[in-house]
């Protein structure tokens, strides 16, 4: 994992904590985001809806 990725995740984590903590997304919400990603980015990262696969 590149250092920029780690720093980006750390920044996101800090902001979510400052805003009251993270909110988990439902499976349906994750799938909807995956579909939007495929539309906007032309299917880049074909690892499924989450991009982790």
PDB file of N, CA and C in Angstrom:
ATOM      1  N   UNK A   1       0.858  -1.175   0.000  1.00  0.00           N
ATOM      2  CA  UNK A   1       0.000   0.000   0.000  1.00  0.00           C
ATOM      3  C   UNK A   1       0.902   1.235   0.000  1.00  0.00           C
ATOM      4  N   UNK A   2       0.570   2.169  -0.856  1.00  0.00           N
ATOM      5  CA  UNK A   2       1.372   3.388  -0.928  1.00  0.00           C
ATOM      6  C   UNK A   2       1.083   4.301   0.259  1.00  0.00           C
ATOM      7  N   UNK A   3       2.083   5.091   0.623  1.00  0.00           N
ATOM      8  CA  UNK A   3       1.951   6.001   1.755  1.00  0.00           C
ATOM      9  C   UNK A   3       0.823   7.001   1.535  1.00  0.00           C
ATOM     10  N   UNK A   4       0.622   7.448   0.293  1.00  0.00           N
ATOM     11  CA  UNK A   4      -0.457   8.399   0.016  1.00  0.00           C
ATOM     12  C   UNK A   4      -1.817   7.788   0.330  1.00  0.00           C
ATOM     13  N   UNK A   5      -1.968   6.498   0.056  1.00  0.00           N
ATOM     14  CA  UNK A   5      -3.225   5.808   0.342  1.00  0.00           C
ATOM     15  C   UNK A   5      -3.455   5.737   1.843  1.00  0.00           C
ATOM     16  N   UNK A   6      -2.400   5.416   2.588  1.00  0.00           N
ATOM     17  CA  UNK A   6      -2.510   5.344   4.047  1.00  0.00           C
ATOM     18  C   UNK A   6      -2.856   6.707   4.623  1.00  0.00           C
ATOM     19  N   UNK A   7      -2.201   7.751   4.138  1.00  0.00           N
ATOM     20  CA  UNK A   7      -2.476   9.103   4.629  1.00  0.00           C
ATOM     21  C   UNK A   7      -3.903   9.533   4.293  1.00  0.00           C
ATOM     22  N   UNK A   8      -4.369   9.174   3.109  1.00  0.00           N
ATOM     23  CA  UNK A   8      -5.740   9.523   2.712  1.00  0.00           C
ATOM     24  C   UNK A   8      -6.744   8.826   3.624  1.00  0.00           C
ATOM     25  N   UNK A   9      -6.529   7.539   3.883  1.00  0.00           N
ATOM     26  CA  UNK A   9      -7.420   6.803   4.779  1.00  0.00           C
ATOM     27  C   UNK A   9      -7.394   7.407   6.184  1.00  0.00           C
ATOM     28  N   UNK A  10      -6.220   7.773   6.668  1.00  0.00           N
ATOM     29  CA  UNK A  10      -6.101   8.372   8.002  1.00  0.00           C
ATOM     30  C   UNK A  10      -6.875   9.679   8.083  1.00  0.00           C
ATOM     31  N   UNK A  11      -6.796  10.482   7.035  1.00  0.00           N
ATOM     32  CA  UNK A  11      -7.518  11.760   7.015  1.00  0.00           C
ATOM     33  C   UNK A  11      -9.026  11.530   7.028  1.00  0.00           C
ATOM     34  N   UNK A  12      -9.485  10.568   6.225  1.00  0.00           N
ATOM     35  CA  UNK A  12     -10.916  10.250   6.195  1.00  0.00           C
ATOM     36  C   UNK A  12     -11.372   9.745   7.562  1.00  0.00           C
ATOM     37  N   UNK A  13     -10.569   8.888   8.173  1.00  0.00           N
ATOM     38  CA  UNK A  13     -10.904   8.348   9.488  1.00  0.00           C
ATOM     39  C   UNK A  13     -11.002   9.461  10.530  1.00  0.00           C
ATOM     40  N   UNK A  14     -10.055  10.382  10.518  1.00  0.00           N
ATOM     41  CA  UNK A  14     -10.071  11.500  11.459  1.00  0.00           C
ATOM     42  C   UNK A  14     -11.333  12.347  11.290  1.00  0.00           C
ATOM     43  N   UNK A  15     -11.662  12.687  10.055  1.00  0.00           N
ATOM     44  CA  UNK A  15     -12.829  13.528   9.804  1.00  0.00           C
ATOM     45  C   UNK A  15     -14.114  12.824  10.240  1.00  0.00           C
ATOM     46  N   UNK A  16     -14.232  11.510   9.959  1.00  0.00           N
ATOM     47  CA  UNK A  16     -15.447  10.807  10.384  1.00  0.00           C
ATOM     48  C   UNK A  16     -15.569  10.789  11.899  1.00  0.00           C
ATOM     49  N   UNK A  17     -14.444  10.641  12.594  1.00  0.00           N
ATOM     50  CA  UNK A  17     -14.497  10.667  14.057  1.00  0.00           C
ATOM     51  C   UNK A  17     -14.912  12.050  14.563  1.00  0.00           C
ATOM     52  N   UNK A  18     -14.379  13.091  13.946  1.00  0.00           N
ATOM     53  CA  UNK A  18     -14.731  14.455  14.351  1.00  0.00           C
ATOM     54  C   UNK A  18     -16.204  14.766  14.091  1.00  0.00           C
ATOM     55  N   UNK A  19     -16.777  14.103  13.095  1.00  0.00           N
ATOM     56  CA  UNK A  19     -18.187  14.338  12.752  1.00  0.00           C
ATOM     57  C   UNK A  19     -19.142  13.396  13.477  1.00  0.00           C
ATOM     58  N   UNK A  20     -18.637  12.663  14.463  1.00  0.00           N
ATOM     59  CA  UNK A  20     -19.518  11.816  15.257  1.00  0.00           C
ATOM     60  C   UNK A  20     -19.342  10.328  15.031  1.00  0.00           C
ATOM     61  N   UNK A  21     -18.385   9.932  14.261  1.00  0.00           N
ATOM     62  CA  UNK A  21     -18.121   8.514  14.032  1.00  0.00           C
ATOM     63  C   UNK A  21     -18.638   8.039  12.699  1.00  0.00           C
ATOM     64  N   UNK A  22     -18.056   6.948  12.223  1.00  0.00           N
ATOM     65  CA  UNK A  22     -18.453   6.422  10.910  1.00  0.00           C
ATOM     66  C   UNK A  22     -19.835   5.774  10.949  1.00  0.00           C
ATOM     67  N   UNK A  23     -20.524   5.817   9.815  1.00  0.00           N
ATOM     68  CA  UNK A  23     -21.807   5.137   9.650  1.00  0.00           C
ATOM     69  C   UNK A  23     -21.619   4.040   8.612  1.00  0.00           C
ATOM     70  N   UNK A  24     -21.922   2.817   8.983  1.00  0.00           N
ATOM     71  CA  UNK A  24     -21.789   1.713   8.047  1.00  0.00           C
ATOM     72  C   UNK A  24     -22.885   1.776   6.996  1.00  0.00           C
ATOM     73  N   UNK A  25     -22.520   1.437   5.768  1.00  0.00           N
ATOM     74  CA  UNK A  25     -23.483   1.404   4.677  1.00  0.00           C
ATOM     75  C   UNK A  25     -24.091   0.018   4.571  1.00  0.00           C
ATOM     76  N   UNK A  26     -25.352  -0.034   4.164  1.00  0.00           N
ATOM     77  CA  UNK A  26     -25.996  -1.322   3.919  1.00  0.00           C
ATOM     78  C   UNK A  26     -25.441  -1.914   2.626  1.00  0.00           C
ATOM     79  N   UNK A  27     -25.684  -3.194   2.410  1.00  0.00           N
ATOM     80  CA  UNK A  27     -25.237  -3.855   1.181  1.00  0.00           C
ATOM     81  C   UNK A  27     -25.839  -3.167  -0.046  1.00  0.00           C
ATOM     82  N   UNK A  28     -27.099  -2.755   0.058  1.00  0.00           N
ATOM     83  CA  UNK A  28     -27.759  -2.092  -1.060  1.00  0.00           C
ATOM     84  C   UNK A  28     -27.082  -0.759  -1.385  1.00  0.00           C
ATOM     85  N   UNK A  29     -26.708  -0.004  -0.350  1.00  0.00           N
ATOM     86  CA  UNK A  29     -26.037   1.276  -0.574  1.00  0.00           C
ATOM     87  C   UNK A  29     -24.669   1.081  -1.226  1.00  0.00           C
ATOM     88  N   UNK A  30     -23.944   0.045  -0.805  1.00  0.00           N
ATOM     89  CA  UNK A  30     -22.637  -0.249  -1.390  1.00  0.00           C
ATOM     90  C   UNK A  30     -22.793  -0.648  -2.852  1.00  0.00           C
ATOM     91  N   UNK A  31     -23.796  -1.471  -3.152  1.00  0.00           N
ATOM     92  CA  UNK A  31     -24.040  -1.878  -4.536  1.00  0.00           C
ATOM     93  C   UNK A  31     -24.410  -0.679  -5.411  1.00  0.00           C
ATOM     94  N   UNK A  32     -25.202   0.226  -4.865  1.00  0.00           N
ATOM     95  CA  UNK A  32     -25.592   1.423  -5.606  1.00  0.00           C
ATOM     96  C   UNK A  32     -24.368   2.288  -5.914  1.00  0.00           C
ATOM     97  N   UNK A  33     -23.458   2.423  -4.949  1.00  0.00           N
ATOM     98  CA  UNK A  33     -22.228   3.175  -5.186  1.00  0.00           C
ATOM     99  C   UNK A  33     -21.356   2.483  -6.225  1.00  0.00           C
ATOM    100  N   UNK A  34     -21.298   1.150  -6.183  1.00  0.00           N
ATOM    101  CA  UNK A  34     -20.527   0.396  -7.165  1.00  0.00           C
ATOM    102  C   UNK A  34     -21.059   0.593  -8.572  1.00  0.00           C
ATOM    103  N   UNK A  35     -22.378   0.624  -8.705  1.00  0.00           N
ATOM    104  CA  UNK A  35     -22.994   0.861 -10.014  1.00  0.00           C
ATOM    105  C   UNK A  35     -22.685   2.266 -10.516  1.00  0.00           C
ATOM    106  N   UNK A  36     -22.734   3.251  -9.625  1.00  0.00           N
ATOM    107  CA  UNK A  36     -22.411   4.623 -10.012  1.00  0.00           C
ATOM    108  C   UNK A  36     -20.945   4.719 -10.426  1.00  0.00           C
ATOM    109  N   UNK A  37     -20.072   4.038  -9.706  1.00  0.00           N
ATOM    110  CA  UNK A  37     -18.647   4.043 -10.045  1.00  0.00           C
ATOM    111  C   UNK A  37     -18.426   3.471 -11.445  1.00  0.00           C
ATOM    112  N   UNK A  38     -19.109   2.381 -11.742  1.00  0.00           N
ATOM    113  CA  UNK A  38     -18.970   1.761 -13.059  1.00  0.00           C
ATOM    114  C   UNK A  38     -19.466   2.701 -14.162  1.00  0.00           C
ATOM    115  N   UNK A  39     -20.544   3.425 -13.896  1.00  0.00           N
ATOM    116  CA  UNK A  39     -21.070   4.372 -14.887  1.00  0.00           C
ATOM    117  C   UNK A  39     -20.104   5.528 -15.119  1.00  0.00           C
ATOM    118  N   UNK A  40     -19.588   6.091 -14.040  1.00  0.00           N
ATOM    119  CA  UNK A  40     -18.744   7.277 -14.143  1.00  0.00           C
ATOM    120  C   UNK A  40     -17.331   6.967 -14.600  1.00  0.00           C
ATOM    121  N   UNK A  41     -16.808   5.811 -14.208  1.00  0.00           N
ATOM    122  CA  UNK A  41     -15.412   5.484 -14.510  1.00  0.00           C
ATOM    123  C   UNK A  41     -15.275   4.348 -15.503  1.00  0.00           C
ATOM    124  N   UNK A  42     -16.348   3.939 -16.131  1.00  0.00           N
ATOM    125  CA  UNK A  42     -16.295   2.954 -17.185  1.00  0.00           C
ATOM    126  C   UNK A  42     -15.870   1.570 -16.736  1.00  0.00           C
ATOM    127  N   UNK A  43     -16.224   1.193 -15.521  1.00  0.00           N
ATOM    128  CA  UNK A  43     -15.938  -0.160 -15.053  1.00  0.00           C
ATOM    129  C   UNK A  43     -14.521  -0.370 -14.565  1.00  0.00           C
ATOM    130  N   UNK A  44     -13.763   0.701 -14.300  1.00  0.00           N
ATOM    131  CA  UNK A  44     -12.409   0.562 -13.763  1.00  0.00           C
ATOM    132  C   UNK A  44     -12.501  -0.102 -12.395  1.00  0.00           C
ATOM    133  N   UNK A  45     -11.600  -1.023 -12.118  1.00  0.00           N
ATOM    134  CA  UNK A  45     -11.609  -1.710 -10.838  1.00  0.00           C
ATOM    135  C   UNK A  45     -12.674  -2.740 -10.785  1.00  0.00           C
ATOM    136  N   UNK A  46     -12.597  -3.719 -11.672  1.00  0.00           N
ATOM    137  CA  UNK A  46     -13.640  -4.718 -11.817  1.00  0.00           C
ATOM    138  C   UNK A  46     -13.663  -5.715 -10.663  1.00  0.00           C
ATOM    139  N   UNK A  47     -13.351  -5.285  -9.466  1.00  0.00           N
ATOM    140  CA  UNK A  47     -13.366  -6.176  -8.318  1.00  0.00           C
ATOM    141  C   UNK A  47     -14.714  -6.241  -7.636  1.00  0.00           C
ATOM    142  N   UNK A  48     -15.777  -5.952  -8.333  1.00  0.00           N
ATOM    143  CA  UNK A  48     -17.100  -5.961  -7.732  1.00  0.00           C
ATOM    144  C   UNK A  48     -17.492  -4.576  -7.264  1.00  0.00           C
ATOM    145  N   UNK A  49     -18.600  -4.518  -6.559  1.00  0.00           N
ATOM    146  CA  UNK A  49     -19.141  -3.228  -6.124  1.00  0.00           C
ATOM    147  C   UNK A  49     -18.199  -2.505  -5.176  1.00  0.00           C
ATOM    148  N   UNK A  50     -17.449  -3.269  -4.371  1.00  0.00           N
ATOM    149  CA  UNK A  50     -16.577  -2.622  -3.402  1.00  0.00           C
ATOM    150  C   UNK A  50     -15.218  -2.307  -3.977  1.00  0.00           C
ATOM    151  N   UNK A  51     -14.852  -2.966  -5.073  1.00  0.00           N
ATOM    152  CA  UNK A  51     -13.541  -2.755  -5.647  1.00  0.00           C
ATOM    153  C   UNK A  51     -12.449  -3.526  -4.942  1.00  0.00           C
ATOM    154  N   UNK A  52     -12.810  -4.434  -4.033  1.00  0.00           N
ATOM    155  CA  UNK A  52     -11.828  -5.206  -3.271  1.00  0.00           C
ATOM    156  C   UNK A  52     -11.875  -6.661  -3.686  1.00  0.00           C
ATOM    157  N   UNK A  53     -11.572  -7.006  -4.876  1.00  0.00           N
ATOM    158  CA  UNK A  53     -11.717  -8.412  -5.108  1.00  0.00           C
ATOM    159  C   UNK A  53     -10.919  -8.949  -6.147  1.00  0.00           C
TER     160      UNK A  53
END
